[in-house]
C-alpha atoms as a PDB file:
ATOM      1  CA  MET A   1      91.044  97.366  96.855  1.00  0.00           C
ATOM      2  CA  THR A   2      89.070  93.756  96.479  1.00  0.00           C
ATOM      3  CA  ARG A   3      87.342  95.482 100.329  1.00  0.00           C
ATOM      4  CA  VAL A   4      86.714  98.637  99.153  1.00  0.00           C
ATOM      5  CA  VAL A   5      84.416  97.157  96.404  1.00  0.00           C
ATOM      6  CA  GLU A   6      82.678  94.255  98.606  1.00  0.00           C
ATOM      7  CA  ALA A   7      82.201  97.074 101.043  1.00  0.00           C
ATOM      8  CA  VAL A   8      80.296  99.832  98.464  1.00  0.00           C
ATOM      9  CA  ALA A   9      78.490  96.888  96.587  1.00  0.00           C
ATOM     10  CA  ALA A  10      76.760  95.656  99.366  1.00  0.00           C
ATOM     11  CA  GLU A  11      75.028  99.161  99.769  1.00  0.00           C
ATOM     12  CA  TYR A  12      73.741  98.633  96.531  1.00  0.00           C
ATOM     13  CA  GLY A  13      72.185  95.449  96.528  1.00  0.00           C
ATOM     14  CA  ASP A  14      70.815  94.083  93.238  1.00  0.00           C
ATOM     15  CA  ARG A  15      71.511  97.586  91.257  1.00  0.00           C
ATOM     16  CA  LEU A  16      75.192  96.832  90.985  1.00  0.00           C
ATOM     17  CA  ASN A  17      76.638  93.416  89.358  1.00  0.00           C
ATOM     18  CA  TRP A  18      80.927  93.506  90.402  1.00  0.00           C
ATOM     19  CA  GLN A  19      83.074  90.636  88.811  1.00  0.00           C
ATOM     20  CA  LYS A  20      86.762  89.980  90.168  1.00  0.00           C
ATOM     21  CA  ILE A  21      89.059  89.446  87.594  1.00  0.00           C
ATOM     22  CA  VAL A  22      91.865  86.779  88.993  1.00  0.00           C
ATOM     23  CA  THR A  23      94.797  86.659  86.023  1.00  0.00           C
ATOM     24  CA  ASN A  24      96.494  84.109  87.442  1.00  0.00           C
ATOM     25  CA  ASP A  25      93.773  81.668  85.900  1.00  0.00           C
ATOM     26  CA  LEU A  26      93.127  81.599  81.726  1.00  0.00           C
ATOM     27  CA  ALA A  27      89.841  83.262  81.534  1.00  0.00           C
ATOM     28  CA  GLY A  28      91.159  86.235  83.890  1.00  0.00           C
ATOM     29  CA  ALA A  29      94.627  86.645  82.162  1.00  0.00           C
ATOM     30  CA  LYS A  30      92.402  86.766  79.041  1.00  0.00           C
ATOM     31  CA  ARG A  31      90.284  89.194  79.799  1.00  0.00           C
ATOM     32  CA  TYR A  32      92.815  91.429  81.603  1.00  0.00           C
ATOM     33  CA  GLN A  33      94.796  90.704  77.961  1.00  0.00           C
ATOM     34  CA  ASN A  34      92.152  92.419  75.648  1.00  0.00           C
ATOM     35  CA  TYR A  35      91.240  95.030  78.641  1.00  0.00           C
ATOM     36  CA  SER A  36      95.091  96.316  77.992  1.00  0.00           C
ATOM     37  CA  LYS A  37      95.066  96.205  74.201  1.00  0.00           C
ATOM     38  CA  SER A  38      91.449  98.129  74.049  1.00  0.00           C
ATOM     39  CA  LEU A  39      93.730 100.674  76.589  1.00  0.00           C
ATOM     40  CA  GLY A  40      96.296 100.770  74.595  1.00  0.00           C
ATOM     41  CA  ARG A  41      98.612  99.646  77.490  1.00  0.00           C
ATOM     42  CA  PRO A  42      98.704  97.488  80.162  1.00  0.00           C
ATOM     43  CA  ALA A  43      95.755  97.951  82.530  1.00  0.00           C
ATOM     44  CA  PRO A  44      96.977  98.927  86.076  1.00  0.00           C
ATOM     45  CA  VAL A  45      96.644  96.013  88.942  1.00  0.00           C
ATOM     46  CA  PRO A  46      95.123  97.019  91.160  1.00  0.00           C
ATOM     47  CA  CYS A  47      92.302  98.240  89.148  1.00  0.00           C
ATOM     48  CA  ILE A  48      88.469  99.304  89.095  1.00  0.00           C
ATOM     49  CA  VAL A  49      87.142  99.287  85.625  1.00  0.00           C
ATOM     50  CA  ILE A  50      83.350 100.903  85.129  1.00  0.00           C
ATOM     51  CA  GLU A  51      80.661  99.703  81.855  1.00  0.00           C
ATOM     52  CA  GLY A  52      84.860  99.179  80.228  1.00  0.00           C
ATOM     53  CA  LYS A  53      85.909 102.584  81.604  1.00  0.00           C
ATOM     54  CA  LEU A  54      89.233 102.464  83.789  1.00  0.00           C
ATOM     55  CA  VAL A  55      88.210 104.899  86.615  1.00  0.00           C
ATOM     56  CA  PHE A  56      90.308 103.873  89.643  1.00  0.00           C
ATOM     57  CA  GLU A  57      94.261 102.944  88.829  1.00  0.00           C
ATOM     58  CA  THR A  58      94.555 103.076  93.006  1.00  0.00           C
ATOM     59  CA  THR A  59      92.482 101.812  95.743  1.00  0.00           C
ATOM     60  CA  PRO A  60      89.716 104.330  96.234  1.00  0.00           C
ATOM     61  CA  SER A  61      88.187 105.821  99.530  1.00  0.00           C
ATOM     62  CA  THR A  62      84.702 103.695  99.788  1.00  0.00           C
ATOM     63  CA  GLU A  63      82.947 107.809  99.573  1.00  0.00           C
ATOM     64  CA  ALA A  64      85.567 108.615  96.601  1.00  0.00           C
ATOM     65  CA  LEU A  65      83.740 105.017  95.007  1.00  0.00           C
ATOM     66  CA  LYS A  66      80.468 105.610  95.861  1.00  0.00           C
ATOM     67  CA  ALA A  67      80.578 109.585  94.308  1.00  0.00           C
ATOM     68  CA  TYR A  68      80.997 107.852  91.439  1.00  0.00           C
ATOM     69  CA  ILE A  69      78.689 104.895  91.250  1.00  0.00           C
ATOM     70  CA  ASP A  70      76.034 107.089  92.713  1.00  0.00           C
ATOM     71  CA  ARG A  71      76.905 109.606  89.406  1.00  0.00           C
ATOM     72  CA  LEU A  72      76.488 106.857  87.081  1.00  0.00           C
ATOM     73  CA  LEU A  73      72.943 105.912  89.005  1.00  0.00           C
ATOM     74  CA  GLU A  74      71.322 108.864  88.288  1.00  0.00           C
ATOM     75  CA  ASN A  75      72.080 109.048  84.243  1.00  0.00           C
END
């Protein structure tokens, strides 16, 4: 999934910030735990969360991810 995000993010330059959360380190595990609590269930791994909203629970195509980001940037 990271490869899809990296490929798409490169096309947006400074208009898009993203962060990979690694649950094997303490900070990532805490962030995962907090997000799971906010969802009311364990967050799927991997997943894509945009502006706090769980958007993709499986790896999307680059086209699907671009379409979602484009809709956000239009608003």
